[in-house]
Amino acid sequence: MPENKNASVGTMEEVFSNGPSLLDPKTGKFNVNRLRTNATLRHEEWKQLDDAVLDVARAKLVGITDIQAAGLTVPLGGLGVTETQYETQADMSAATADMDAETPGEEDRVTYSIVSLPVPIVHKGFRIGLRQLEASRTRGAALDVTQADVSARKVAEKLEDMLFNGDTTININGNTISGYTTHGSRNTVSGGDWGTIANIWANVQSAVQANEADYFPGPFVLYIASTQFGQMRAIYTDGTGQSAMERVMKSFPISAIKAADSLTDEAVLVQMDRSTVDLAVGQDITTIEWSTRGGMSMHFKVMAAMVPRLKADANGNMGLCHISSI
């Protein structure tokens, strides 16, 4: 039996083809929240759904949340922006020192290069049947948000993976997304097994020195794979009673050490400032709805449009070091 298109919002493609109805009347820009104008869910049901999505996302987003907490975000103005750009700056040559100011010195100027990145939409959909919804309302039960939980987790995991490992499948004009472990200008340290406690301090020291050699003195955030995060709790047998984590924190300009699920037997040391990384955001994590089959099926999508921008200067210097094989 054909769908009653007149009695439903339509497919996702039809929703976005409605153009002007999705524009904010004040700004004239696309407003994703206007997709909720004729939503089936009631206010409290939306609140349950939104709370579930954001709670799960906050729990899974480690690196992304750190960038946001540091204020390193760049608003893009909405979903219509598919590409973001930033400039890298080259240095001038050294000044001339002699005994005569009339000596012609070398004249040059600061030059800039443009770096472009695609801005992907990361999304995961789920469905709630109208009958299922009405049954929960009849029983006076809270809306089952299990599917929203799982969808939010999938979106958060993909965003974290993009930050740490990049994504070469998203390509605009040859521009792809680099991550903490894949950026071509990152500093690298080949580590040793952190099951041997002596390797931990030595590897972190090498990473700090590599960033300092690129003129990035910290403070840093150290992200570690879960297995190695546990190994950092090991206690030295030299009588100090210190754990490896405590010694690293006291020895180096490191403000935080965190486990990152997107890492495997590796770590990254990041200077958390705008010269190293920021986050371009077209749309923060949100949930949208549309219906089909005469309103009997309600479709939901947890989505976000954002991309991490990792930065090296024109000489390839960068406040990022990747410690591999630990």
Foldseek 3Di string as FASTA:
>chain_A
DDWPCVLWCDDPVSVVVVPPQQADPVPRHGDQCSLCVVPPDDPVLQVVLFVLLVVLLVVQADPQVLQVVVVQEAEPAAPVDFKDKDKFKDDDDDWDDDDDPPPDTDDDDIDIDMAMETWDKQKDKDKDFPVNVVVCVVVVHHDDNPVSNVRSNRSSLVQLLCAAANDPVDADPRHGGGHLQGDPLAAEAAFEDVLPVVRLLVRVVVLQVLLVVLVAQDDKEKEDAPVSVVSQQDADPPPPRDGNVVVNVVPGSYPYYYYHNSDDQKMKIARNDNQFKGKYFNAAWDKGWIAIRSRRMIMMMTITTMGMDGHDHPVSRHRMYMHHRD
